[in-house]
Amino acid sequence: MADRLVNSEANARRIMFVESCFGSSGQPLAIPNRLLVGEGVLTKMCRKKPKPRQFFLFNDILVYGNVVLSKKKYNKQHILQLENVKLQSVPDDGALCNGWQIISPSKSFTVYAATAMEKSEWMAHINKCVQDLLTKHGRKSILATTDPSPVWVPDSDASTCMCCQRSEFSLVNRRHHCRKCGIVCCGPCASRRWVLPHQSAKPLRVCAVCYDKLSCSEETNPAQSNSVNNKITESSGEDSSDSETEAANNGSSGDQPTFYEG
């Protein structure tokens, strides 16, 4: 069934429509043998609060972006290679229900579906695409040998620095995230940088504990050095779209997902 859908006019039209919704800010998505498996709105846990994001599941990639105008316009496109993805269910926590983590070396985060059934459908389709890819290429997931990017601790979960456990956050004393372990730190505790190749070519902010661990590893394997000696004086280059103001008329996680492959 999948082979028939890949070459269908309906699949080609769907992919072209997704491209048009992202416009010039998105990457081309129409390539041979690519199938749009499903799409829908999920609630993504961002650093400040949960926000709706539009997700498109293809047979080889997972694409998501900010909802500017529901079903018509999206921006801040992100693409994850499914070969490098694994899923992990998370327990319900109050109003945050039906969630799971999407974990990869480049970016990891938590999403929530509107219902338990939608969660089950999303996870089943994603896991099938991942397994089909690994089987097709005859290899194991890169996560078997590579550390995943951490799922960030939400800002609201930390009133004090999770590293020194002394510094209290305020309008002046800002929160920062360690790109290695995901905890929330104060400026002094997150003043060092390290190159984490699977996340960015630029040096990224890491906490004091992770910096010490990475430095010890560097001493053991000097050929693999990714350290940066100077302290941070500006943003580390990590995507900050999650903290930006949302556009008007954004989508709702109440929209039911649509899957085109049974």
C-alpha atoms as a PDB file:
ATOM      1  CA  MET A   1       0.000   0.000   0.000  1.00  0.00           C
ATOM      2  CA  ALA A   2       2.831   2.375   0.876  1.00  0.00           C
ATOM      3  CA  ASP A   3       4.509   1.889  -2.511  1.00  0.00           C
ATOM      4  CA  ARG A   4       1.265   2.721  -4.278  1.00  0.00           C
ATOM      5  CA  LEU A   5       0.716   5.863  -2.180  1.00  0.00           C
ATOM      6  CA  VAL A   6       4.282   7.148  -2.707  1.00  0.00           C
ATOM      7  CA  ASN A   7       3.736   7.464  -6.452  1.00  0.00           C
ATOM      8  CA  SER A   8       0.166   8.713  -6.269  1.00  0.00           C
ATOM      9  CA  GLU A   9      -0.948  12.151  -7.404  1.00  0.00           C
ATOM     10  CA  ALA A  10      -2.692  12.651  -4.060  1.00  0.00           C
ATOM     11  CA  ASN A  11       0.595  12.224  -2.179  1.00  0.00           C
ATOM     12  CA  ALA A  12       2.378  14.638  -4.512  1.00  0.00           C
ATOM     13  CA  ARG A  13      -0.362  17.245  -4.026  1.00  0.00           C
ATOM     14  CA  ARG A  14      -0.250  16.890  -0.235  1.00  0.00           C
ATOM     15  CA  ILE A  15       3.514  17.380  -0.102  1.00  0.00           C
ATOM     16  CA  MET A  16       3.340  20.391  -2.428  1.00  0.00           C
ATOM     17  CA  PHE A  17       0.673  21.901  -0.179  1.00  0.00           C
ATOM     18  CA  VAL A  18       2.865  21.435   2.913  1.00  0.00           C
ATOM     19  CA  GLU A  19       5.722  23.162   1.094  1.00  0.00           C
ATOM     20  CA  SER A  20       3.444  26.068   0.167  1.00  0.00           C
ATOM     21  CA  CYS A  21       2.259  26.453   3.766  1.00  0.00           C
ATOM     22  CA  PHE A  22       5.862  26.999   4.927  1.00  0.00           C
ATOM     23  CA  GLY A  23       6.667  29.181   1.925  1.00  0.00           C
ATOM     24  CA  SER A  24      10.194  30.401   1.275  1.00  0.00           C
ATOM     25  CA  SER A  25      11.130  29.958   4.943  1.00  0.00           C
ATOM     26  CA  GLY A  26      10.877  26.164   4.657  1.00  0.00           C
ATOM     27  CA  GLN A  27      13.027  23.570   2.937  1.00  0.00           C
ATOM     28  CA  PRO A  28      11.886  21.666  -0.183  1.00  0.00           C
ATOM     29  CA  LEU A  29      10.107  18.479   0.857  1.00  0.00           C
ATOM     30  CA  ALA A  30       9.213  16.804  -2.455  1.00  0.00           C
ATOM     31  CA  ILE A  31      11.809  14.121  -3.215  1.00  0.00           C
ATOM     32  CA  PRO A  32      11.449  10.674  -4.865  1.00  0.00           C
ATOM     33  CA  ASN A  33       9.969   7.929  -2.659  1.00  0.00           C
ATOM     34  CA  ARG A  34       8.844  10.322   0.076  1.00  0.00           C
ATOM     35  CA  LEU A  35       5.372   9.699   1.489  1.00  0.00           C
ATOM     36  CA  LEU A  36       3.301  11.989   3.697  1.00  0.00           C
ATOM     37  CA  VAL A  37       2.027   9.524   6.299  1.00  0.00           C
ATOM     38  CA  GLY A  38       0.034  11.871   8.495  1.00  0.00           C
ATOM     39  CA  GLU A  39      -0.388  15.355   9.934  1.00  0.00           C
ATOM     40  CA  GLY A  40      -1.956  17.155  12.841  1.00  0.00           C
ATOM     41  CA  VAL A  41      -1.530  19.587  15.711  1.00  0.00           C
ATOM     42  CA  LEU A  42       0.256  18.474  18.884  1.00  0.00           C
ATOM     43  CA  THR A  43       0.970  20.486  22.005  1.00  0.00           C
ATOM     44  CA  LYS A  44       4.728  20.863  22.355  1.00  0.00           C
ATOM     45  CA  MET A  45       6.215  21.568  25.768  1.00  0.00           C
ATOM     46  CA  CYS A  46       8.328  24.676  25.208  1.00  0.00           C
ATOM     47  CA  ARG A  47      10.646  26.277  27.733  1.00  0.00           C
ATOM     48  CA  LYS A  48       8.029  28.725  29.035  1.00  0.00           C
ATOM     49  CA  LYS A  49       4.716  26.940  28.438  1.00  0.00           C
ATOM     50  CA  PRO A  50       3.004  24.330  26.232  1.00  0.00           C
ATOM     51  CA  LYS A  51       2.244  25.610  22.716  1.00  0.00           C
ATOM     52  CA  PRO A  52       0.478  24.174  19.653  1.00  0.00           C
ATOM     53  CA  ARG A  53       2.731  23.026  16.830  1.00  0.00           C
ATOM     54  CA  GLN A  54       1.793  21.577  13.448  1.00  0.00           C
ATOM     55  CA  PHE A  55       3.453  18.197  12.781  1.00  0.00           C
ATOM     56  CA  PHE A  56       3.869  16.393   9.468  1.00  0.00           C
ATOM     57  CA  LEU A  57       4.984  12.767   9.542  1.00  0.00           C
ATOM     58  CA  PHE A  58       6.707  11.532   6.390  1.00  0.00           C
ATOM     59  CA  ASN A  59       8.115   8.055   5.870  1.00  0.00           C
ATOM     60  CA  ASP A  60      11.657   9.350   6.437  1.00  0.00           C
ATOM     61  CA  ILE A  61      11.394  12.660   8.342  1.00  0.00           C
ATOM     62  CA  LEU A  62       9.291  14.424  10.975  1.00  0.00           C
ATOM     63  CA  VAL A  63       8.565  18.074  10.190  1.00  0.00           C
ATOM     64  CA  TYR A  64       7.021  20.589  12.578  1.00  0.00           C
ATOM     65  CA  GLY A  65       6.540  24.313  12.823  1.00  0.00           C
ATOM     66  CA  ASN A  66       4.704  27.187  14.467  1.00  0.00           C
ATOM     67  CA  VAL A  67       1.078  27.683  13.500  1.00  0.00           C
ATOM     68  CA  VAL A  68       0.590  31.145  11.960  1.00  0.00           C
ATOM     69  CA  LEU A  69      -2.784  30.488  10.319  1.00  0.00           C
ATOM     70  CA  SER A  70      -4.369  27.092  10.929  1.00  0.00           C
ATOM     71  CA  LYS A  71      -4.107  24.747   7.906  1.00  0.00           C
ATOM     72  CA  LYS A  72      -2.768  27.586   5.762  1.00  0.00           C
ATOM     73  CA  LYS A  73       0.502  29.043   7.002  1.00  0.00           C
ATOM     74  CA  TYR A  74       3.366  27.822   9.206  1.00  0.00           C
ATOM     75  CA  ASN A  75       6.851  29.073  10.029  1.00  0.00           C
ATOM     76  CA  LYS A  76       9.933  28.097  12.077  1.00  0.00           C
ATOM     77  CA  GLN A  77      10.237  24.789  10.238  1.00  0.00           C
ATOM     78  CA  HIS A  78      12.186  22.010  11.966  1.00  0.00           C
ATOM     79  CA  ILE A  79      13.101  18.641  10.443  1.00  0.00           C
ATOM     80  CA  LEU A  80      14.123  15.487  12.303  1.00  0.00           C
ATOM     81  CA  GLN A  81      15.522  12.458  10.500  1.00  0.00           C
ATOM     82  CA  LEU A  82      13.371   9.526  11.618  1.00  0.00           C
ATOM     83  CA  GLU A  83      16.284   7.080  11.523  1.00  0.00           C
ATOM     84  CA  ASN A  84      17.680   8.980  14.509  1.00  0.00           C
ATOM     85  CA  VAL A  85      14.442   9.207  16.490  1.00  0.00           C
ATOM     86  CA  LYS A  86      13.065   7.170  19.348  1.00  0.00           C
ATOM     87  CA  LEU A  87       9.909   7.673  21.404  1.00  0.00           C
ATOM     88  CA  GLN A  88       9.312   7.384  25.122  1.00  0.00           C
ATOM     89  CA  SER A  89       5.894   7.622  26.749  1.00  0.00           C
ATOM     90  CA  VAL A  90       5.522   9.988  29.701  1.00  0.00           C
ATOM     91  CA  PRO A  91       2.984   9.638  32.532  1.00  0.00           C
ATOM     92  CA  ASP A  92       0.028  12.007  32.798  1.00  0.00           C
ATOM     93  CA  ASP A  93       0.632  14.996  35.052  1.00  0.00           C
ATOM     94  CA  GLY A  94      -2.498  16.939  35.941  1.00  0.00           C
ATOM     95  CA  ALA A  95      -3.755  18.771  32.873  1.00  0.00           C
ATOM     96  CA  LEU A  96      -0.822  17.496  30.802  1.00  0.00           C
ATOM     97  CA  CYS A  97      -2.060  14.150  29.500  1.00  0.00           C
ATOM     98  CA  ASN A  98      -1.373  11.777  26.601  1.00  0.00           C
ATOM     99  CA  GLY A  99       2.264  12.778  26.231  1.00  0.00           C
ATOM    100  CA  TRP A 100       5.477  11.253  24.942  1.00  0.00           C
ATOM    101  CA  GLN A 101       9.032  12.351  24.310  1.00  0.00           C
ATOM    102  CA  ILE A 102      10.512  12.619  20.830  1.00  0.00           C
ATOM    103  CA  ILE A 103      14.207  11.949  21.331  1.00  0.00           C
ATOM    104  CA  SER A 104      17.042  12.464  18.840  1.00  0.00           C
ATOM    105  CA  PRO A 105      20.706  13.525  18.868  1.00  0.00           C
ATOM    106  CA  SER A 106      19.877  16.984  17.468  1.00  0.00           C
ATOM    107  CA  LYS A 107      16.745  17.901  19.447  1.00  0.00           C
ATOM    108  CA  SER A 108      14.477  16.260  22.021  1.00  0.00           C
ATOM    109  CA  PHE A 109      11.185  17.444  23.467  1.00  0.00           C
ATOM    110  CA  THR A 110       7.819  16.385  24.890  1.00  0.00           C
ATOM    111  CA  VAL A 111       4.523  16.557  23.006  1.00  0.00           C
ATOM    112  CA  TYR A 112       0.930  15.938  24.051  1.00  0.00           C
ATOM    113  CA  ALA A 113      -2.038  14.691  22.036  1.00  0.00           C
ATOM    114  CA  ALA A 114      -5.658  15.631  22.698  1.00  0.00           C
ATOM    115  CA  THR A 115      -6.713  12.050  23.511  1.00  0.00           C
ATOM    116  CA  ALA A 116      -5.176   8.716  24.443  1.00  0.00           C
ATOM    117  CA  MET A 117      -6.284   7.326  21.068  1.00  0.00           C
ATOM    118  CA  GLU A 118      -4.474  10.084  19.173  1.00  0.00           C
ATOM    119  CA  LYS A 119      -1.344   9.473  21.245  1.00  0.00           C
ATOM    120  CA  SER A 120      -1.504   5.779  20.378  1.00  0.00           C
ATOM    121  CA  GLU A 121      -1.963   6.521  16.676  1.00  0.00           C
ATOM    122  CA  TRP A 122       0.896   9.007  16.506  1.00  0.00           C
ATOM    123  CA  MET A 123       3.318   6.757  18.378  1.00  0.00           C
ATOM    124  CA  ALA A 124       2.396   3.686  16.338  1.00  0.00           C
ATOM    125  CA  HIS A 125       2.847   5.471  12.995  1.00  0.00           C
ATOM    126  CA  ILE A 126       6.140   7.101  14.001  1.00  0.00           C
ATOM    127  CA  ASN A 127       7.567   3.860  15.390  1.00  0.00           C
ATOM    128  CA  LYS A 128       6.558   1.985  12.223  1.00  0.00           C
ATOM    129  CA  CYS A 129       8.296   4.568  10.016  1.00  0.00           C
ATOM    130  CA  VAL A 130      11.440   4.396  12.147  1.00  0.00           C
ATOM    131  CA  GLN A 131      11.515   0.594  12.109  1.00  0.00           C
ATOM    132  CA  ASP A 132      10.860   0.430   8.360  1.00  0.00           C
ATOM    133  CA  LEU A 133      13.779   2.797   7.717  1.00  0.00           C
ATOM    134  CA  LEU A 134      16.211   0.894   9.945  1.00  0.00           C
ATOM    135  CA  THR A 135      15.186  -2.409   8.365  1.00  0.00           C
ATOM    136  CA  LYS A 136      15.461  -1.005   4.845  1.00  0.00           C
ATOM    137  CA  HIS A 137      18.974   0.318   5.428  1.00  0.00           C
ATOM    138  CA  GLY A 138      20.071  -2.631   7.552  1.00  0.00           C
ATOM    139  CA  ARG A 139      21.452  -0.669  10.477  1.00  0.00           C
ATOM    140  CA  LYS A 140      20.763   0.209  14.075  1.00  0.00           C
ATOM    141  CA  SER A 141      19.678   3.583  15.375  1.00  0.00           C
ATOM    142  CA  ILE A 142      22.456   6.123  15.897  1.00  0.00           C
ATOM    143  CA  LEU A 143      21.105   6.496  19.444  1.00  0.00           C
ATOM    144  CA  ALA A 144      22.672   3.122  20.236  1.00  0.00           C
ATOM    145  CA  THR A 145      26.087   4.797  20.172  1.00  0.00           C
ATOM    146  CA  THR A 146      25.326   8.542  20.425  1.00  0.00           C
ATOM    147  CA  ASP A 147      23.946  10.498  23.367  1.00  0.00           C
ATOM    148  CA  PRO A 148      20.569  12.101  22.647  1.00  0.00           C
ATOM    149  CA  SER A 149      19.897  15.782  22.978  1.00  0.00           C
ATOM    150  CA  PRO A 150      18.277  16.389  26.381  1.00  0.00           C
ATOM    151  CA  VAL A 151      14.645  17.230  26.938  1.00  0.00           C
ATOM    152  CA  TRP A 152      14.769  20.677  28.551  1.00  0.00           C
ATOM    153  CA  VAL A 153      13.359  21.176  32.021  1.00  0.00           C
ATOM    154  CA  PRO A 154      10.565  23.795  31.701  1.00  0.00           C
ATOM    155  CA  ASP A 155      11.340  27.204  33.187  1.00  0.00           C
ATOM    156  CA  SER A 156       8.359  26.897  35.537  1.00  0.00           C
ATOM    157  CA  ASP A 157       9.857  23.801  37.177  1.00  0.00           C
ATOM    158  CA  ALA A 158      12.859  25.699  38.545  1.00  0.00           C
ATOM    159  CA  SER A 159      12.671  28.696  40.877  1.00  0.00           C
ATOM    160  CA  THR A 160      16.358  28.335  41.767  1.00  0.00           C
ATOM    161  CA  CYS A 161      19.430  27.182  39.854  1.00  0.00           C
ATOM    162  CA  MET A 162      19.434  23.397  39.505  1.00  0.00           C
ATOM    163  CA  CYS A 163      23.231  23.394  39.400  1.00  0.00           C
ATOM    164  CA  CYS A 164      24.367  25.421  42.431  1.00  0.00           C
ATOM    165  CA  GLN A 165      20.918  25.190  44.108  1.00  0.00           C
ATOM    166  CA  ARG A 166      21.449  28.620  45.622  1.00  0.00           C
ATOM    167  CA  SER A 167      20.800  31.314  43.031  1.00  0.00           C
ATOM    168  CA  GLU A 168      17.122  32.368  42.860  1.00  0.00           C
ATOM    169  CA  PHE A 169      15.738  33.407  39.482  1.00  0.00           C
ATOM    170  CA  SER A 170      14.175  36.823  38.937  1.00  0.00           C
ATOM    171  CA  LEU A 171      13.633  39.391  36.177  1.00  0.00           C
ATOM    172  CA  VAL A 172      17.314  40.254  36.511  1.00  0.00           C
ATOM    173  CA  ASN A 173      18.703  36.794  37.244  1.00  0.00           C
ATOM    174  CA  ARG A 174      17.654  34.944  34.072  1.00  0.00           C
ATOM    175  CA  ARG A 175      17.228  31.231  33.487  1.00  0.00           C
ATOM    176  CA  HIS A 176      19.537  29.366  31.109  1.00  0.00           C
ATOM    177  CA  HIS A 177      19.456  25.769  29.895  1.00  0.00           C
ATOM    178  CA  CYS A 178      22.385  23.374  29.727  1.00  0.00           C
ATOM    179  CA  ARG A 179      22.409  21.920  26.215  1.00  0.00           C
ATOM    180  CA  LYS A 180      24.061  18.736  27.466  1.00  0.00           C
ATOM    181  CA  CYS A 181      21.733  17.702  30.318  1.00  0.00           C
ATOM    182  CA  GLY A 182      18.754  20.097  29.957  1.00  0.00           C
ATOM    183  CA  ILE A 183      18.660  21.512  33.506  1.00  0.00           C
ATOM    184  CA  VAL A 184      17.866  25.163  34.300  1.00  0.00           C
ATOM    185  CA  CYS A 185      20.897  27.136  35.492  1.00  0.00           C
ATOM    186  CA  CYS A 186      21.885  30.626  36.552  1.00  0.00           C
ATOM    187  CA  GLY A 187      24.305  32.658  34.428  1.00  0.00           C
ATOM    188  CA  PRO A 188      27.495  31.874  36.388  1.00  0.00           C
ATOM    189  CA  CYS A 189      26.733  28.127  36.430  1.00  0.00           C
ATOM    190  CA  ALA A 190      26.089  28.123  32.667  1.00  0.00           C
ATOM    191  CA  SER A 191      28.913  30.409  31.606  1.00  0.00           C
ATOM    192  CA  ARG A 192      30.929  27.816  29.668  1.00  0.00           C
ATOM    193  CA  ARG A 193      30.488  26.527  26.134  1.00  0.00           C
ATOM    194  CA  TRP A 194      31.165  23.239  24.413  1.00  0.00           C
ATOM    195  CA  VAL A 195      30.751  22.045  20.838  1.00  0.00           C
ATOM    196  CA  LEU A 196      28.057  19.355  20.760  1.00  0.00           C
ATOM    197  CA  PRO A 197      28.321  18.282  17.089  1.00  0.00           C
ATOM    198  CA  HIS A 198      24.923  16.593  16.753  1.00  0.00           C
ATOM    199  CA  GLN A 199      23.145  19.721  18.013  1.00  0.00           C
ATOM    200  CA  SER A 200      25.094  22.550  16.393  1.00  0.00           C
ATOM    201  CA  ALA A 201      28.399  23.466  14.812  1.00  0.00           C
ATOM    202  CA  LYS A 202      28.475  26.450  17.165  1.00  0.00           C
ATOM    203  CA  PRO A 203      29.599  26.175  20.794  1.00  0.00           C
ATOM    204  CA  LEU A 204      26.575  25.735  23.045  1.00  0.00           C
ATOM    205  CA  ARG A 205      25.942  26.649  26.662  1.00  0.00           C
ATOM    206  CA  VAL A 206      26.632  23.875  29.195  1.00  0.00           C
ATOM    207  CA  CYS A 207      26.352  23.793  32.980  1.00  0.00           C
ATOM    208  CA  ALA A 208      29.385  23.623  35.274  1.00  0.00           C
ATOM    209  CA  VAL A 209      28.826  19.939  36.068  1.00  0.00           C
ATOM    210  CA  CYS A 210      28.609  18.898  32.415  1.00  0.00           C
ATOM    211  CA  TYR A 211      31.587  21.088  31.530  1.00  0.00           C
ATOM    212  CA  ASP A 212      33.710  19.310  34.125  1.00  0.00           C
ATOM    213  CA  LYS A 213      32.588  15.895  32.869  1.00  0.00           C
ATOM    214  CA  LEU A 214      33.278  16.838  29.251  1.00  0.00           C
ATOM    215  CA  SER A 215      36.676  18.243  30.216  1.00  0.00           C
ATOM    216  CA  CYS A 216      37.599  14.996  31.954  1.00  0.00           C
ATOM    217  CA  SER A 217      36.542  13.073  28.853  1.00  0.00           C
ATOM    218  CA  GLU A 218      38.672  15.400  26.729  1.00  0.00           C
ATOM    219  CA  GLU A 219      41.719  14.690  28.879  1.00  0.00           C
ATOM    220  CA  THR A 220      41.166  10.976  28.345  1.00  0.00           C
ATOM    221  CA  ASN A 221      40.558  11.395  24.577  1.00  0.00           C
ATOM    222  CA  PRO A 222      42.315  14.634  23.509  1.00  0.00           C
ATOM    223  CA  ALA A 223      41.729  13.885  19.807  1.00  0.00           C
ATOM    224  CA  GLN A 224      37.998  14.347  20.414  1.00  0.00           C
ATOM    225  CA  SER A 225      38.285  17.811  21.950  1.00  0.00           C
ATOM    226  CA  ASN A 226      35.254  20.051  21.499  1.00  0.00           C
ATOM    227  CA  SER A 227      35.895  22.517  24.301  1.00  0.00           C
ATOM    228  CA  VAL A 228      35.707  26.291  24.062  1.00  0.00           C
ATOM    229  CA  ASN A 229      37.753  28.086  26.672  1.00  0.00           C
ATOM    230  CA  ASN A 230      36.135  31.512  26.592  1.00  0.00           C
ATOM    231  CA  LYS A 231      32.995  32.177  28.608  1.00  0.00           C
ATOM    232  CA  ILE A 232      29.659  33.077  27.069  1.00  0.00           C
ATOM    233  CA  THR A 233      29.012  36.720  26.395  1.00  0.00           C
ATOM    234  CA  GLU A 234      25.925  36.302  24.186  1.00  0.00           C
ATOM    235  CA  SER A 235      23.365  33.771  23.052  1.00  0.00           C
ATOM    236  CA  SER A 236      24.805  30.357  22.243  1.00  0.00           C
ATOM    237  CA  GLY A 237      23.068  29.935  18.904  1.00  0.00           C
ATOM    238  CA  GLU A 238      20.411  27.477  20.079  1.00  0.00           C
ATOM    239  CA  ASP A 239      17.103  28.010  18.333  1.00  0.00           C
ATOM    240  CA  SER A 240      14.968  30.355  20.413  1.00  0.00           C
ATOM    241  CA  SER A 241      11.680  30.148  18.560  1.00  0.00           C
ATOM    242  CA  ASP A 242       9.979  28.511  21.529  1.00  0.00           C
ATOM    243  CA  SER A 243      10.327  31.691  23.560  1.00  0.00           C
ATOM    244  CA  GLU A 244       9.133  34.076  20.893  1.00  0.00           C
ATOM    245  CA  THR A 245       5.671  35.637  20.812  1.00  0.00           C
ATOM    246  CA  GLU A 246       3.160  33.487  18.979  1.00  0.00           C
ATOM    247  CA  ALA A 247       1.381  34.787  15.918  1.00  0.00           C
ATOM    248  CA  ALA A 248      -2.325  35.496  16.024  1.00  0.00           C
ATOM    249  CA  ASN A 249      -4.924  32.984  14.832  1.00  0.00           C
ATOM    250  CA  ASN A 250      -2.785  30.009  15.745  1.00  0.00           C
ATOM    251  CA  GLY A 251      -4.025  26.443  15.750  1.00  0.00           C
ATOM    252  CA  SER A 252      -5.602  24.303  18.407  1.00  0.00           C
ATOM    253  CA  SER A 253      -4.621  20.849  19.584  1.00  0.00           C
ATOM    254  CA  GLY A 254      -8.341  20.001  19.303  1.00  0.00           C
ATOM    255  CA  ASP A 255      -7.903  19.281  15.564  1.00  0.00           C
ATOM    256  CA  GLN A 256      -7.871  15.542  14.952  1.00  0.00           C
ATOM    257  CA  PRO A 257      -4.804  14.153  13.145  1.00  0.00           C
ATOM    258  CA  THR A 258      -5.108  12.697   9.678  1.00  0.00           C
ATOM    259  CA  PHE A 259      -3.147   9.601   8.624  1.00  0.00           C
ATOM    260  CA  TYR A 260      -2.974   8.617   4.972  1.00  0.00           C
ATOM    261  CA  GLU A 261      -1.332   5.216   5.384  1.00  0.00           C
ATOM    262  CA  GLY A 262      -3.220   2.477   7.126  1.00  0.00           C
END
